[in-house]
Amino acid sequence: MARSKTSPADLQEYLRGVRYPATKEDLESAAKDSGAPQEILDAIDELPDEVYDAPTAVSKASSEVM
């Protein structure tokens, strides 16, 4: 899988208002509701399927796969 050029900070811009703990599907839904571009949705799709307990957990996971 190709690595995304999206940074964890870019990703968080579209995840404001997410209620944690949140699943990957919750993150995808929030990003879509925020009008995220496809690049952001693709970056979320690359995240591991798990429950994230805080924005920092999402940032950490995204930095490991991006």
C-alpha atoms as a PDB file:
ATOM      1  CA  MET A   1       0.000   0.000   0.000  1.00  0.00           C
ATOM      2  CA  ALA A   2       1.413   3.426  -0.915  1.00  0.00           C
ATOM      3  CA  ARG A   3       2.087   5.775   1.935  1.00  0.00           C
ATOM      4  CA  SER A   4      -0.086   8.843   2.197  1.00  0.00           C
ATOM      5  CA  LYS A   5       1.311  12.363   2.086  1.00  0.00           C
ATOM      6  CA  THR A   6      -1.282  13.409   4.651  1.00  0.00           C
ATOM      7  CA  SER A   7       0.175  14.417   8.000  1.00  0.00           C
ATOM      8  CA  PRO A   8      -1.411  13.573  11.357  1.00  0.00           C
ATOM      9  CA  ALA A   9      -2.158  17.306  11.748  1.00  0.00           C
ATOM     10  CA  ASP A  10      -3.968  17.358   8.386  1.00  0.00           C
ATOM     11  CA  LEU A  11      -6.003  14.375   9.500  1.00  0.00           C
ATOM     12  CA  GLN A  12      -6.960  15.951  12.840  1.00  0.00           C
ATOM     13  CA  GLU A  13      -8.276  19.021  11.045  1.00  0.00           C
ATOM     14  CA  TYR A  14     -11.190  16.910   9.788  1.00  0.00           C
ATOM     15  CA  LEU A  15     -11.747  14.977  13.022  1.00  0.00           C
ATOM     16  CA  ARG A  16     -12.781  17.867  15.242  1.00  0.00           C
ATOM     17  CA  GLY A  17     -15.824  16.995  17.295  1.00  0.00           C
ATOM     18  CA  VAL A  18     -15.220  13.243  17.268  1.00  0.00           C
ATOM     19  CA  ARG A  19     -16.452  11.644  20.474  1.00  0.00           C
ATOM     20  CA  TYR A  20     -13.876   9.281  21.902  1.00  0.00           C
ATOM     21  CA  PRO A  21     -13.531   6.361  22.204  1.00  0.00           C
ATOM     22  CA  ALA A  22     -14.075   6.143  18.436  1.00  0.00           C
ATOM     23  CA  THR A  23     -13.795   3.362  15.894  1.00  0.00           C
ATOM     24  CA  LYS A  24     -12.187   3.737  12.494  1.00  0.00           C
ATOM     25  CA  GLU A  25     -15.715   3.888  11.064  1.00  0.00           C
ATOM     26  CA  ASP A  26     -16.560   6.758  13.449  1.00  0.00           C
ATOM     27  CA  LEU A  27     -13.486   8.614  12.195  1.00  0.00           C
ATOM     28  CA  GLU A  28     -14.475   8.048   8.570  1.00  0.00           C
ATOM     29  CA  SER A  29     -17.992   9.295   9.230  1.00  0.00           C
ATOM     30  CA  ALA A  30     -16.768  12.419  11.044  1.00  0.00           C
ATOM     31  CA  ALA A  31     -14.305  13.203   8.258  1.00  0.00           C
ATOM     32  CA  LYS A  32     -17.016  12.847   5.610  1.00  0.00           C
ATOM     33  CA  ASP A  33     -19.320  15.096   7.651  1.00  0.00           C
ATOM     34  CA  SER A  34     -16.500  17.674   7.813  1.00  0.00           C
ATOM     35  CA  GLY A  35     -16.135  17.659   4.037  1.00  0.00           C
ATOM     36  CA  ALA A  36     -12.779  15.896   4.022  1.00  0.00           C
ATOM     37  CA  PRO A  37     -11.124  15.404   0.640  1.00  0.00           C
ATOM     38  CA  GLN A  38     -10.482  11.901  -0.678  1.00  0.00           C
ATOM     39  CA  GLU A  39      -6.838  12.081   0.432  1.00  0.00           C
ATOM     40  CA  ILE A  40      -7.977  12.345   4.073  1.00  0.00           C
ATOM     41  CA  LEU A  41     -10.508   9.529   3.674  1.00  0.00           C
ATOM     42  CA  ASP A  42      -7.810   7.355   2.125  1.00  0.00           C
ATOM     43  CA  ALA A  43      -5.501   8.114   5.070  1.00  0.00           C
ATOM     44  CA  ILE A  44      -8.206   7.058   7.543  1.00  0.00           C
ATOM     45  CA  ASP A  45      -8.753   3.896   5.510  1.00  0.00           C
ATOM     46  CA  GLU A  46      -5.074   3.027   6.061  1.00  0.00           C
ATOM     47  CA  LEU A  47      -5.439   3.158   9.864  1.00  0.00           C
ATOM     48  CA  PRO A  48      -5.629  -0.104  11.820  1.00  0.00           C
ATOM     49  CA  ASP A  49      -9.136  -1.315  12.700  1.00  0.00           C
ATOM     50  CA  GLU A  50      -9.256  -0.520  16.393  1.00  0.00           C
ATOM     51  CA  VAL A  51     -10.933   1.723  18.917  1.00  0.00           C
ATOM     52  CA  TYR A  52      -9.095   5.009  19.451  1.00  0.00           C
ATOM     53  CA  ASP A  53      -9.355   6.513  22.908  1.00  0.00           C
ATOM     54  CA  ALA A  54      -8.183  10.047  22.070  1.00  0.00           C
ATOM     55  CA  PRO A  55      -6.970  12.245  19.201  1.00  0.00           C
ATOM     56  CA  THR A  56      -3.403  11.451  20.222  1.00  0.00           C
ATOM     57  CA  ALA A  57      -4.039   7.740  19.570  1.00  0.00           C
ATOM     58  CA  VAL A  58      -5.228   8.564  16.049  1.00  0.00           C
ATOM     59  CA  SER A  59      -2.185  10.774  15.454  1.00  0.00           C
ATOM     60  CA  LYS A  60       0.167   8.062  16.699  1.00  0.00           C
ATOM     61  CA  ALA A  61      -1.450   5.384  14.515  1.00  0.00           C
ATOM     62  CA  SER A  62      -1.470   7.641  11.476  1.00  0.00           C
ATOM     63  CA  SER A  63       2.184   8.571  11.887  1.00  0.00           C
ATOM     64  CA  GLU A  64       3.047   4.857  11.912  1.00  0.00           C
ATOM     65  CA  VAL A  65       1.260   4.106   8.635  1.00  0.00           C
ATOM     66  CA  MET A  66       1.855   7.339   6.710  1.00  0.00           C
END
